[in-house]
Amino acid sequence: EFGIPLTCKLLCENPAKYLGIMKGKIEPGYTADLVIFEKKGWTLEREHLHSLNSNTPFLGRAMGFKTVNVYKGGVEVYLKGTFSRPPVQVVS
Protein backbone atom coordinates (compact mmCIF):
# COMPACT_ATOMS: atom_id res chain seq x y z
CA GLU A 1 0.00 0.00 0.00
CA PHE A 2 1.20 3.49 -0.85
CA GLY A 3 0.57 5.18 2.51
CA ILE A 4 2.22 7.77 4.74
CA PRO A 5 5.15 5.56 5.94
CA LEU A 6 6.15 4.62 2.39
CA THR A 7 5.69 8.21 1.18
CA CYS A 8 7.99 9.48 3.95
CA LYS A 9 10.60 6.89 3.11
CA LEU A 10 10.51 7.63 -0.63
CA LEU A 11 10.33 11.44 -0.42
CA CYS A 12 12.30 12.18 2.78
CA GLU A 13 14.47 9.38 4.14
CA ASN A 14 15.87 7.95 0.91
CA PRO A 15 16.78 11.27 -0.79
CA ALA A 16 18.51 12.50 2.39
CA LYS A 17 20.42 9.23 2.68
CA TYR A 18 21.46 9.44 -0.98
CA LEU A 19 22.65 13.05 -0.50
CA GLY A 20 24.43 12.19 2.76
CA ILE A 21 22.54 14.77 4.84
CA MET A 22 21.01 14.37 8.30
CA LYS A 23 17.38 14.91 7.31
CA GLY A 24 14.36 12.73 6.63
CA LYS A 25 13.99 11.10 10.05
CA ILE A 26 12.74 12.15 13.46
CA GLU A 27 15.77 11.17 15.50
CA PRO A 28 18.44 12.91 17.61
CA GLY A 29 21.09 14.53 15.41
CA TYR A 30 18.79 15.04 12.43
CA THR A 31 17.69 18.49 11.24
CA ALA A 32 14.27 19.25 12.71
CA ASP A 33 12.34 19.80 9.47
CA LEU A 34 8.82 18.48 9.89
CA VAL A 35 5.45 18.77 8.16
CA ILE A 36 2.26 17.86 10.02
CA PHE A 37 -0.84 16.90 8.02
CA GLU A 38 -4.46 16.25 8.92
CA LYS A 39 -6.71 13.90 7.01
CA LYS A 40 -9.17 16.28 5.39
CA GLY A 41 -10.85 16.36 2.01
CA TRP A 42 -10.48 19.58 -0.01
CA THR A 43 -9.92 20.77 -3.58
CA LEU A 44 -6.69 22.44 -4.68
CA GLU A 45 -7.32 25.86 -6.24
CA ARG A 46 -4.81 28.44 -7.51
CA GLU A 47 -5.27 30.68 -4.42
CA HIS A 48 -3.95 27.84 -2.23
CA LEU A 49 -0.54 27.91 -3.94
CA HIS A 50 2.35 29.81 -2.35
CA SER A 51 4.92 29.40 -5.10
CA LEU A 52 5.96 31.94 -7.71
CA ASN A 53 5.27 29.20 -10.25
CA SER A 54 1.65 28.09 -10.06
CA ASN A 55 1.88 25.39 -12.73
CA THR A 56 0.66 22.09 -11.32
CA PRO A 57 -1.33 19.18 -12.71
CA PHE A 58 -3.22 19.01 -9.41
CA LEU A 59 -5.36 22.18 -9.79
CA GLY A 60 -9.03 21.34 -9.32
CA ARG A 61 -8.25 17.90 -7.93
CA ALA A 62 -9.56 16.49 -4.67
CA MET A 63 -6.90 16.13 -1.98
CA GLY A 64 -7.06 13.80 1.02
CA PHE A 65 -4.66 15.56 3.39
CA LYS A 66 -4.07 19.19 4.34
CA THR A 67 -0.89 20.75 5.76
CA VAL A 68 -1.39 22.03 9.32
CA ASN A 69 2.13 22.91 10.54
CA VAL A 70 5.59 23.19 8.99
CA TYR A 71 8.80 23.34 11.03
CA LYS A 72 12.14 24.30 9.48
CA GLY A 73 15.20 23.68 11.63
CA GLY A 74 12.93 23.23 14.65
CA VAL A 75 11.22 26.62 14.15
CA GLU A 76 7.56 26.78 13.20
CA VAL A 77 7.26 28.60 9.86
CA TYR A 78 3.65 27.75 8.91
CA LEU A 79 0.49 27.24 10.95
CA LYS A 80 -2.96 26.58 9.42
CA GLY A 81 -2.63 28.84 6.38
CA THR A 82 -0.35 31.51 7.86
CA PHE A 83 3.40 31.80 7.36
CA SER A 84 5.44 33.18 10.27
CA ARG A 85 8.05 34.25 7.73
CA PRO A 86 7.81 34.65 3.95
CA PRO A 87 7.70 31.29 2.14
CA VAL A 88 10.12 32.49 -0.57
CA GLN A 89 12.60 35.29 -1.06
CA VAL A 90 12.35 37.20 -4.30
CA VAL A 91 15.73 38.36 -5.55
CA SER A 92 15.62 41.11 -8.16
PDB file of N, CA and C in Angstrom:
ATOM      1  N   GLU A   1       0.846  -1.194   0.000  1.00  0.00           N
ATOM      2  CA  GLU A   1       0.000   0.000   0.000  1.00  0.00           C
ATOM      3  C   GLU A   1       0.881   1.244   0.000  1.00  0.00           C
ATOM      4  N   PHE A   2       0.453   2.236  -0.763  1.00  0.00           N
ATOM      5  CA  PHE A   2       1.198   3.491  -0.846  1.00  0.00           C
ATOM      6  C   PHE A   2       0.623   4.453   0.177  1.00  0.00           C
ATOM      7  N   GLY A   3       1.088   4.353   1.422  1.00  0.00           N
ATOM      8  CA  GLY A   3       0.570   5.182   2.507  1.00  0.00           C
ATOM      9  C   GLY A   3       1.624   6.164   3.003  1.00  0.00           C
ATOM     10  N   ILE A   4       1.344   6.754   4.148  1.00  0.00           N
ATOM     11  CA  ILE A   4       2.224   7.773   4.737  1.00  0.00           C
ATOM     12  C   ILE A   4       3.628   7.220   5.021  1.00  0.00           C
ATOM     13  N   PRO A   5       3.786   6.050   5.669  1.00  0.00           N
ATOM     14  CA  PRO A   5       5.153   5.564   5.939  1.00  0.00           C
ATOM     15  C   PRO A   5       5.988   5.387   4.666  1.00  0.00           C
ATOM     16  N   LEU A   6       5.404   4.811   3.633  1.00  0.00           N
ATOM     17  CA  LEU A   6       6.151   4.620   2.392  1.00  0.00           C
ATOM     18  C   LEU A   6       6.443   5.962   1.719  1.00  0.00           C
ATOM     19  N   THR A   7       5.483   6.869   1.751  1.00  0.00           N
ATOM     20  CA  THR A   7       5.694   8.206   1.181  1.00  0.00           C
ATOM     21  C   THR A   7       6.856   8.903   1.871  1.00  0.00           C
ATOM     22  N   CYS A   8       6.899   8.856   3.202  1.00  0.00           N
ATOM     23  CA  CYS A   8       7.992   9.483   3.954  1.00  0.00           C
ATOM     24  C   CYS A   8       9.340   8.866   3.593  1.00  0.00           C
ATOM     25  N   LYS A   9       9.359   7.572   3.467  1.00  0.00           N
ATOM     26  CA  LYS A   9      10.600   6.887   3.112  1.00  0.00           C
ATOM     27  C   LYS A   9      11.070   7.305   1.718  1.00  0.00           C
ATOM     28  N   LEU A  10      10.143   7.328   0.756  1.00  0.00           N
ATOM     29  CA  LEU A  10      10.508   7.635  -0.628  1.00  0.00           C
ATOM     30  C   LEU A  10      10.845   9.106  -0.849  1.00  0.00           C
ATOM     31  N   LEU A  11      10.148  10.012  -0.159  1.00  0.00           N
ATOM     32  CA  LEU A  11      10.333  11.440  -0.416  1.00  0.00           C
ATOM     33  C   LEU A  11      11.217  12.155   0.603  1.00  0.00           C
ATOM     34  N   CYS A  12      11.502  11.527   1.733  1.00  0.00           N
ATOM     35  CA  CYS A  12      12.295  12.182   2.776  1.00  0.00           C
ATOM     36  C   CYS A  12      13.561  11.387   3.121  1.00  0.00           C
ATOM     37  N   GLU A  13      13.353  10.202   3.668  1.00  0.00           N
ATOM     38  CA  GLU A  13      14.465   9.377   4.136  1.00  0.00           C
ATOM     39  C   GLU A  13      15.456   9.014   3.044  1.00  0.00           C
ATOM     40  N   ASN A  14      14.978   8.423   1.965  1.00  0.00           N
ATOM     41  CA  ASN A  14      15.874   7.948   0.909  1.00  0.00           C
ATOM     42  C   ASN A  14      16.642   9.067   0.211  1.00  0.00           C
ATOM     43  N   PRO A  15      15.994  10.196  -0.172  1.00  0.00           N
ATOM     44  CA  PRO A  15      16.780  11.273  -0.787  1.00  0.00           C
ATOM     45  C   PRO A  15      17.852  11.833   0.147  1.00  0.00           C
ATOM     46  N   ALA A  16      17.520  11.988   1.434  1.00  0.00           N
ATOM     47  CA  ALA A  16      18.505  12.499   2.392  1.00  0.00           C
ATOM     48  C   ALA A  16      19.678  11.526   2.530  1.00  0.00           C
ATOM     49  N   LYS A  17      19.368  10.248   2.595  1.00  0.00           N
ATOM     50  CA  LYS A  17      20.419   9.235   2.683  1.00  0.00           C
ATOM     51  C   LYS A  17      21.314   9.280   1.447  1.00  0.00           C
ATOM     52  N   TYR A  18      20.703   9.372   0.278  1.00  0.00           N
ATOM     53  CA  TYR A  18      21.464   9.436  -0.979  1.00  0.00           C
ATOM     54  C   TYR A  18      22.372  10.660  -1.014  1.00  0.00           C
ATOM     55  N   LEU A  19      21.870  11.801  -0.504  1.00  0.00           N
ATOM     56  CA  LEU A  19      22.649  13.047  -0.497  1.00  0.00           C
ATOM     57  C   LEU A  19      23.621  13.131   0.676  1.00  0.00           C
ATOM     58  N   GLY A  20      23.522  12.197   1.615  1.00  0.00           N
ATOM     59  CA  GLY A  20      24.425  12.189   2.763  1.00  0.00           C
ATOM     60  C   GLY A  20      24.162  13.306   3.752  1.00  0.00           C
ATOM     61  N   ILE A  21      22.883  13.712   3.895  1.00  0.00           N
ATOM     62  CA  ILE A  21      22.543  14.774   4.837  1.00  0.00           C
ATOM     63  C   ILE A  21      21.666  14.212   5.957  1.00  0.00           C
ATOM     64  N   MET A  22      21.735  14.835   7.117  1.00  0.00           N
ATOM     65  CA  MET A  22      21.010  14.373   8.302  1.00  0.00           C
ATOM     66  C   MET A  22      19.599  14.964   8.323  1.00  0.00           C
ATOM     67  N   LYS A  23      18.776  14.499   7.404  1.00  0.00           N
ATOM     68  CA  LYS A  23      17.380  14.907   7.310  1.00  0.00           C
ATOM     69  C   LYS A  23      16.556  13.671   6.991  1.00  0.00           C
ATOM     70  N   GLY A  24      15.238  13.800   7.056  1.00  0.00           N
ATOM     71  CA  GLY A  24      14.365  12.727   6.628  1.00  0.00           C
ATOM     72  C   GLY A  24      13.926  11.763   7.709  1.00  0.00           C
ATOM     73  N   LYS A  25      14.402  11.958   8.929  1.00  0.00           N
ATOM     74  CA  LYS A  25      13.994  11.103  10.049  1.00  0.00           C
ATOM     75  C   LYS A  25      13.756  11.977  11.278  1.00  0.00           C
ATOM     76  N   ILE A  26      12.928  11.473  12.171  1.00  0.00           N
ATOM     77  CA  ILE A  26      12.737  12.151  13.460  1.00  0.00           C
ATOM     78  C   ILE A  26      13.569  11.385  14.476  1.00  0.00           C
ATOM     79  N   GLU A  27      14.820  11.805  14.595  1.00  0.00           N
ATOM     80  CA  GLU A  27      15.774  11.168  15.498  1.00  0.00           C
ATOM     81  C   GLU A  27      16.782  12.203  15.960  1.00  0.00           C
ATOM     82  N   PRO A  28      17.396  11.989  17.149  1.00  0.00           N
ATOM     83  CA  PRO A  28      18.435  12.911  17.606  1.00  0.00           C
ATOM     84  C   PRO A  28      19.550  13.037  16.567  1.00  0.00           C
ATOM     85  N   GLY A  29      20.014  14.269  16.354  1.00  0.00           N
ATOM     86  CA  GLY A  29      21.092  14.528  15.415  1.00  0.00           C
ATOM     87  C   GLY A  29      20.622  14.906  14.021  1.00  0.00           C
ATOM     88  N   TYR A  30      19.341  14.693  13.734  1.00  0.00           N
ATOM     89  CA  TYR A  30      18.789  15.038  12.428  1.00  0.00           C
ATOM     90  C   TYR A  30      18.204  16.450  12.462  1.00  0.00           C
ATOM     91  N   THR A  31      18.267  17.161  11.333  1.00  0.00           N
ATOM     92  CA  THR A  31      17.692  18.492  11.239  1.00  0.00           C
ATOM     93  C   THR A  31      16.187  18.404  11.480  1.00  0.00           C
ATOM     94  N   ALA A  32      15.687  19.299  12.320  1.00  0.00           N
ATOM     95  CA  ALA A  32      14.273  19.251  12.710  1.00  0.00           C
ATOM     96  C   ALA A  32      13.390  19.943  11.681  1.00  0.00           C
ATOM     97  N   ASP A  33      13.280  19.355  10.500  1.00  0.00           N
ATOM     98  CA  ASP A  33      12.343  19.799   9.469  1.00  0.00           C
ATOM     99  C   ASP A  33      11.173  18.825   9.514  1.00  0.00           C
ATOM    100  N   LEU A  34       9.972  19.349   9.681  1.00  0.00           N
ATOM    101  CA  LEU A  34       8.823  18.478   9.886  1.00  0.00           C
ATOM    102  C   LEU A  34       7.567  19.122   9.308  1.00  0.00           C
ATOM    103  N   VAL A  35       6.747  18.323   8.664  1.00  0.00           N
ATOM    104  CA  VAL A  35       5.447  18.768   8.162  1.00  0.00           C
ATOM    105  C   VAL A  35       4.379  17.908   8.822  1.00  0.00           C
ATOM    106  N   ILE A  36       3.360  18.561   9.365  1.00  0.00           N
ATOM    107  CA  ILE A  36       2.261  17.857  10.020  1.00  0.00           C
ATOM    108  C   ILE A  36       1.004  18.035   9.174  1.00  0.00           C
ATOM    109  N   PHE A  37       0.366  16.905   8.845  1.00  0.00           N
ATOM    110  CA  PHE A  37      -0.837  16.898   8.019  1.00  0.00           C
ATOM    111  C   PHE A  37      -2.033  16.459   8.841  1.00  0.00           C
ATOM    112  N   GLU A  38      -3.223  16.822   8.377  1.00  0.00           N
ATOM    113  CA  GLU A  38      -4.456  16.246   8.915  1.00  0.00           C
ATOM    114  C   GLU A  38      -5.205  15.616   7.752  1.00  0.00           C
ATOM    115  N   LYS A  39      -5.912  14.552   8.041  1.00  0.00           N
ATOM    116  CA  LYS A  39      -6.708  13.897   7.013  1.00  0.00           C
ATOM    117  C   LYS A  39      -7.970  14.731   6.822  1.00  0.00           C
ATOM    118  N   LYS A  40      -8.059  15.373   5.649  1.00  0.00           N
ATOM    119  CA  LYS A  40      -9.165  16.284   5.392  1.00  0.00           C
ATOM    120  C   LYS A  40      -9.345  16.413   3.894  1.00  0.00           C
ATOM    121  N   GLY A  41     -10.563  16.216   3.427  1.00  0.00           N
ATOM    122  CA  GLY A  41     -10.849  16.357   2.007  1.00  0.00           C
ATOM    123  C   GLY A  41     -10.995  17.824   1.624  1.00  0.00           C
ATOM    124  N   TRP A  42     -10.382  18.218   0.514  1.00  0.00           N
ATOM    125  CA  TRP A  42     -10.477  19.578  -0.006  1.00  0.00           C
ATOM    126  C   TRP A  42     -10.043  19.569  -1.465  1.00  0.00           C
ATOM    127  N   THR A  43     -10.284  20.662  -2.173  1.00  0.00           N
ATOM    128  CA  THR A  43      -9.923  20.766  -3.583  1.00  0.00           C
ATOM    129  C   THR A  43      -8.858  21.834  -3.760  1.00  0.00           C
ATOM    130  N   LEU A  44      -7.791  21.494  -4.469  1.00  0.00           N
ATOM    131  CA  LEU A  44      -6.688  22.436  -4.685  1.00  0.00           C
ATOM    132  C   LEU A  44      -7.081  23.472  -5.731  1.00  0.00           C
ATOM    133  N   GLU A  45      -7.050  24.739  -5.340  1.00  0.00           N
ATOM    134  CA  GLU A  45      -7.323  25.860  -6.239  1.00  0.00           C
ATOM    135  C   GLU A  45      -6.082  26.758  -6.293  1.00  0.00           C
ATOM    136  N   ARG A  46      -5.988  27.587  -7.299  1.00  0.00           N
ATOM    137  CA  ARG A  46      -4.814  28.444  -7.508  1.00  0.00           C
ATOM    138  C   ARG A  46      -4.494  29.311  -6.283  1.00  0.00           C
ATOM    139  N   GLU A  47      -5.515  29.806  -5.583  1.00  0.00           N
ATOM    140  CA  GLU A  47      -5.273  30.676  -4.423  1.00  0.00           C
ATOM    141  C   GLU A  47      -4.629  29.936  -3.247  1.00  0.00           C
ATOM    142  N   HIS A  48      -4.604  28.614  -3.280  1.00  0.00           N
ATOM    143  CA  HIS A  48      -3.953  27.835  -2.227  1.00  0.00           C
ATOM    144  C   HIS A  48      -2.446  27.742  -2.435  1.00  0.00           C
ATOM    145  N   LEU A  49      -1.959  28.068  -3.623  1.00  0.00           N
ATOM    146  CA  LEU A  49      -0.543  27.909  -3.944  1.00  0.00           C
ATOM    147  C   LEU A  49       0.273  29.078  -3.403  1.00  0.00           C
ATOM    148  N   HIS A  50       1.486  28.784  -2.930  1.00  0.00           N
ATOM    149  CA  HIS A  50       2.355  29.806  -2.350  1.00  0.00           C
ATOM    150  C   HIS A  50       3.656  29.945  -3.121  1.00  0.00           C
ATOM    151  N   SER A  51       3.705  29.380  -4.291  1.00  0.00           N
ATOM    152  CA  SER A  51       4.916  29.397  -5.101  1.00  0.00           C
ATOM    153  C   SER A  51       4.809  30.482  -6.165  1.00  0.00           C
ATOM    154  N   LEU A  52       5.950  30.983  -6.607  1.00  0.00           N
ATOM    155  CA  LEU A  52       5.955  31.940  -7.707  1.00  0.00           C
ATOM    156  C   LEU A  52       5.496  31.267  -8.995  1.00  0.00           C
ATOM    157  N   ASN A  53       5.700  29.972  -9.092  1.00  0.00           N
ATOM    158  CA  ASN A  53       5.269  29.204 -10.252  1.00  0.00           C
ATOM    159  C   ASN A  53       4.020  28.419  -9.856  1.00  0.00           C
ATOM    160  N   SER A  54       2.896  28.753 -10.452  1.00  0.00           N
ATOM    161  CA  SER A  54       1.646  28.086 -10.063  1.00  0.00           C
ATOM    162  C   SER A  54       1.239  26.986 -11.045  1.00  0.00           C
ATOM    163  N   ASN A  55       2.179  26.491 -11.820  1.00  0.00           N
ATOM    164  CA  ASN A  55       1.877  25.386 -12.727  1.00  0.00           C
ATOM    165  C   ASN A  55       1.875  24.076 -11.955  1.00  0.00           C
ATOM    166  N   THR A  56       0.758  23.394 -11.967  1.00  0.00           N
ATOM    167  CA  THR A  56       0.655  22.092 -11.322  1.00  0.00           C
ATOM    168  C   THR A  56      -0.460  21.293 -11.982  1.00  0.00           C
ATOM    169  N   PRO A  57      -0.259  20.002 -12.142  1.00  0.00           N
ATOM    170  CA  PRO A  57      -1.326  19.177 -12.708  1.00  0.00           C
ATOM    171  C   PRO A  57      -2.432  18.868 -11.694  1.00  0.00           C
ATOM    172  N   PHE A  58      -2.277  19.347 -10.465  1.00  0.00           N
ATOM    173  CA  PHE A  58      -3.222  19.008  -9.407  1.00  0.00           C
ATOM    174  C   PHE A  58      -4.326  20.046  -9.193  1.00  0.00           C
ATOM    175  N   LEU A  59      -4.305  21.173  -9.942  1.00  0.00           N
ATOM    176  CA  LEU A  59      -5.357  22.180  -9.790  1.00  0.00           C
ATOM    177  C   LEU A  59      -6.727  21.556 -10.059  1.00  0.00           C
ATOM    178  N   GLY A  60      -7.675  21.845  -9.168  1.00  0.00           N
ATOM    179  CA  GLY A  60      -9.032  21.338  -9.323  1.00  0.00           C
ATOM    180  C   GLY A  60      -9.228  19.909  -8.855  1.00  0.00           C
ATOM    181  N   ARG A  61      -8.149  19.291  -8.378  1.00  0.00           N
ATOM    182  CA  ARG A  61      -8.251  17.896  -7.930  1.00  0.00           C
ATOM    183  C   ARG A  61      -8.574  17.814  -6.440  1.00  0.00           C
ATOM    184  N   ALA A  62      -9.252  16.754  -6.080  1.00  0.00           N
ATOM    185  CA  ALA A  62      -9.561  16.491  -4.672  1.00  0.00           C
ATOM    186  C   ALA A  62      -8.307  15.981  -3.968  1.00  0.00           C
ATOM    187  N   MET A  63      -8.042  16.520  -2.804  1.00  0.00           N
ATOM    188  CA  MET A  63      -6.899  16.133  -1.980  1.00  0.00           C
ATOM    189  C   MET A  63      -7.417  15.454  -0.716  1.00  0.00           C
ATOM    190  N   GLY A  64      -6.632  14.534  -0.162  1.00  0.00           N
ATOM    191  CA  GLY A  64      -7.062  13.801   1.021  1.00  0.00           C
ATOM    192  C   GLY A  64      -6.430  14.267   2.314  1.00  0.00           C
ATOM    193  N   PHE A  65      -5.350  15.066   2.204  1.00  0.00           N
ATOM    194  CA  PHE A  65      -4.657  15.562   3.394  1.00  0.00           C
ATOM    195  C   PHE A  65      -4.402  17.050   3.238  1.00  0.00           C
ATOM    196  N   LYS A  66      -4.333  17.755   4.351  1.00  0.00           N
ATOM    197  CA  LYS A  66      -4.071  19.192   4.340  1.00  0.00           C
ATOM    198  C   LYS A  66      -2.931  19.489   5.308  1.00  0.00           C
ATOM    199  N   THR A  67      -2.014  20.367   4.906  1.00  0.00           N
ATOM    200  CA  THR A  67      -0.891  20.749   5.764  1.00  0.00           C
ATOM    201  C   THR A  67      -1.400  21.623   6.908  1.00  0.00           C
ATOM    202  N   VAL A  68      -0.991  21.276   8.131  1.00  0.00           N
ATOM    203  CA  VAL A  68      -1.388  22.033   9.317  1.00  0.00           C
ATOM    204  C   VAL A  68      -0.211  22.865   9.820  1.00  0.00           C
ATOM    205  N   ASN A  69       0.943  22.226  10.035  1.00  0.00           N
ATOM    206  CA  ASN A  69       2.133  22.912  10.540  1.00  0.00           C
ATOM    207  C   ASN A  69       3.344  22.541   9.698  1.00  0.00           C
ATOM    208  N   VAL A  70       4.296  23.478   9.605  1.00  0.00           N
ATOM    209  CA  VAL A  70       5.592  23.195   8.991  1.00  0.00           C
ATOM    210  C   VAL A  70       6.662  23.766   9.920  1.00  0.00           C
ATOM    211  N   TYR A  71       7.653  22.924  10.222  1.00  0.00           N
ATOM    212  CA  TYR A  71       8.799  23.338  11.035  1.00  0.00           C
ATOM    213  C   TYR A  71      10.052  23.240  10.183  1.00  0.00           C
ATOM    214  N   LYS A  72      10.873  24.271  10.210  1.00  0.00           N
ATOM    215  CA  LYS A  72      12.145  24.297   9.480  1.00  0.00           C
ATOM    216  C   LYS A  72      13.249  24.528  10.499  1.00  0.00           C
ATOM    217  N   GLY A  73      14.124  23.558  10.639  1.00  0.00           N
ATOM    218  CA  GLY A  73      15.195  23.681  11.631  1.00  0.00           C
ATOM    219  C   GLY A  73      14.669  23.811  13.046  1.00  0.00           C
ATOM    220  N   GLY A  74      13.517  23.192  13.311  1.00  0.00           N
ATOM    221  CA  GLY A  74      12.933  23.228  14.646  1.00  0.00           C
ATOM    222  C   GLY A  74      12.096  24.468  14.928  1.00  0.00           C
ATOM    223  N   VAL A  75      11.984  25.380  13.972  1.00  0.00           N
ATOM    224  CA  VAL A  75      11.218  26.618  14.148  1.00  0.00           C
ATOM    225  C   VAL A  75       9.942  26.535  13.306  1.00  0.00           C
ATOM    226  N   GLU A  76       8.816  26.813  13.935  1.00  0.00           N
ATOM    227  CA  GLU A  76       7.556  26.779  13.199  1.00  0.00           C
ATOM    228  C   GLU A  76       7.523  27.924  12.192  1.00  0.00           C
ATOM    229  N   VAL A  77       7.300  27.582  10.922  1.00  0.00           N
ATOM    230  CA  VAL A  77       7.259  28.601   9.863  1.00  0.00           C
ATOM    231  C   VAL A  77       5.880  28.694   9.207  1.00  0.00           C
ATOM    232  N   TYR A  78       4.981  27.750   9.498  1.00  0.00           N
ATOM    233  CA  TYR A  78       3.645  27.747   8.910  1.00  0.00           C
ATOM    234  C   TYR A  78       2.674  27.117   9.887  1.00  0.00           C
ATOM    235  N   LEU A  79       1.532  27.773  10.075  1.00  0.00           N
ATOM    236  CA  LEU A  79       0.489  27.235  10.947  1.00  0.00           C
ATOM    237  C   LEU A  79      -0.872  27.547  10.337  1.00  0.00           C
ATOM    238  N   LYS A  80      -1.582  26.500   9.914  1.00  0.00           N
ATOM    239  CA  LYS A  80      -2.963  26.583   9.420  1.00  0.00           C
ATOM    240  C   LYS A  80      -3.205  27.754   8.465  1.00  0.00           C
ATOM    241  N   GLY A  81      -2.410  27.834   7.410  1.00  0.00           N
ATOM    242  CA  GLY A  81      -2.634  28.843   6.376  1.00  0.00           C
ATOM    243  C   GLY A  81      -1.857  30.128   6.531  1.00  0.00           C
ATOM    244  N   THR A  82      -1.104  30.276   7.621  1.00  0.00           N
ATOM    245  CA  THR A  82      -0.351  31.510   7.863  1.00  0.00           C
ATOM    246  C   THR A  82       1.136  31.202   8.011  1.00  0.00           C
ATOM    247  N   PHE A  83       1.945  31.932   7.257  1.00  0.00           N
ATOM    248  CA  PHE A  83       3.397  31.797   7.360  1.00  0.00           C
ATOM    249  C   PHE A  83       3.917  32.760   8.418  1.00  0.00           C
ATOM    250  N   SER A  84       4.834  32.296   9.269  1.00  0.00           N
ATOM    251  CA  SER A  84       5.437  33.176  10.266  1.00  0.00           C
ATOM    252  C   SER A  84       6.619  33.937   9.678  1.00  0.00           C
ATOM    253  N   ARG A  85       7.058  33.500   8.502  1.00  0.00           N
ATOM    254  CA  ARG A  85       8.054  34.248   7.728  1.00  0.00           C
ATOM    255  C   ARG A  85       7.740  33.973   6.261  1.00  0.00           C
ATOM    256  N   PRO A  86       8.169  34.840   5.374  1.00  0.00           N
ATOM    257  CA  PRO A  86       7.809  34.652   3.954  1.00  0.00           C
ATOM    258  C   PRO A  86       8.248  33.276   3.441  1.00  0.00           C
ATOM    259  N   PRO A  87       7.373  32.615   2.633  1.00  0.00           N
ATOM    260  CA  PRO A  87       7.704  31.290   2.135  1.00  0.00           C
ATOM    261  C   PRO A  87       8.848  31.277   1.119  1.00  0.00           C
ATOM    262  N   VAL A  88       9.036  32.404   0.420  1.00  0.00           N
ATOM    263  CA  VAL A  88      10.122  32.492  -0.566  1.00  0.00           C
ATOM    264  C   VAL A  88      10.724  33.884  -0.497  1.00  0.00           C
ATOM    265  N   GLN A  89      11.957  33.993  -0.936  1.00  0.00           N
ATOM    266  CA  GLN A  89      12.595  35.292  -1.059  1.00  0.00           C
ATOM    267  C   GLN A  89      12.712  35.618  -2.533  1.00  0.00           C
ATOM    268  N   VAL A  90      12.251  36.778  -2.912  1.00  0.00           N
ATOM    269  CA  VAL A  90      12.348  37.199  -4.302  1.00  0.00           C
ATOM    270  C   VAL A  90      13.597  38.049  -4.454  1.00  0.00           C
ATOM    271  N   VAL A  91      14.487  37.619  -5.313  1.00  0.00           N
ATOM    272  CA  VAL A  91      15.726  38.356  -5.551  1.00  0.00           C
ATOM    273  C   VAL A  91      15.579  39.053  -6.892  1.00  0.00           C
ATOM    274  N   SER A  92      15.765  40.388  -6.887  1.00  0.00           N
ATOM    275  CA  SER A  92      15.624  41.108  -8.160  1.00  0.00           C
ATOM    276  C   SER A  92      16.950  41.438  -8.774  1.00  0.00           C
TER     277      SER A  92
END
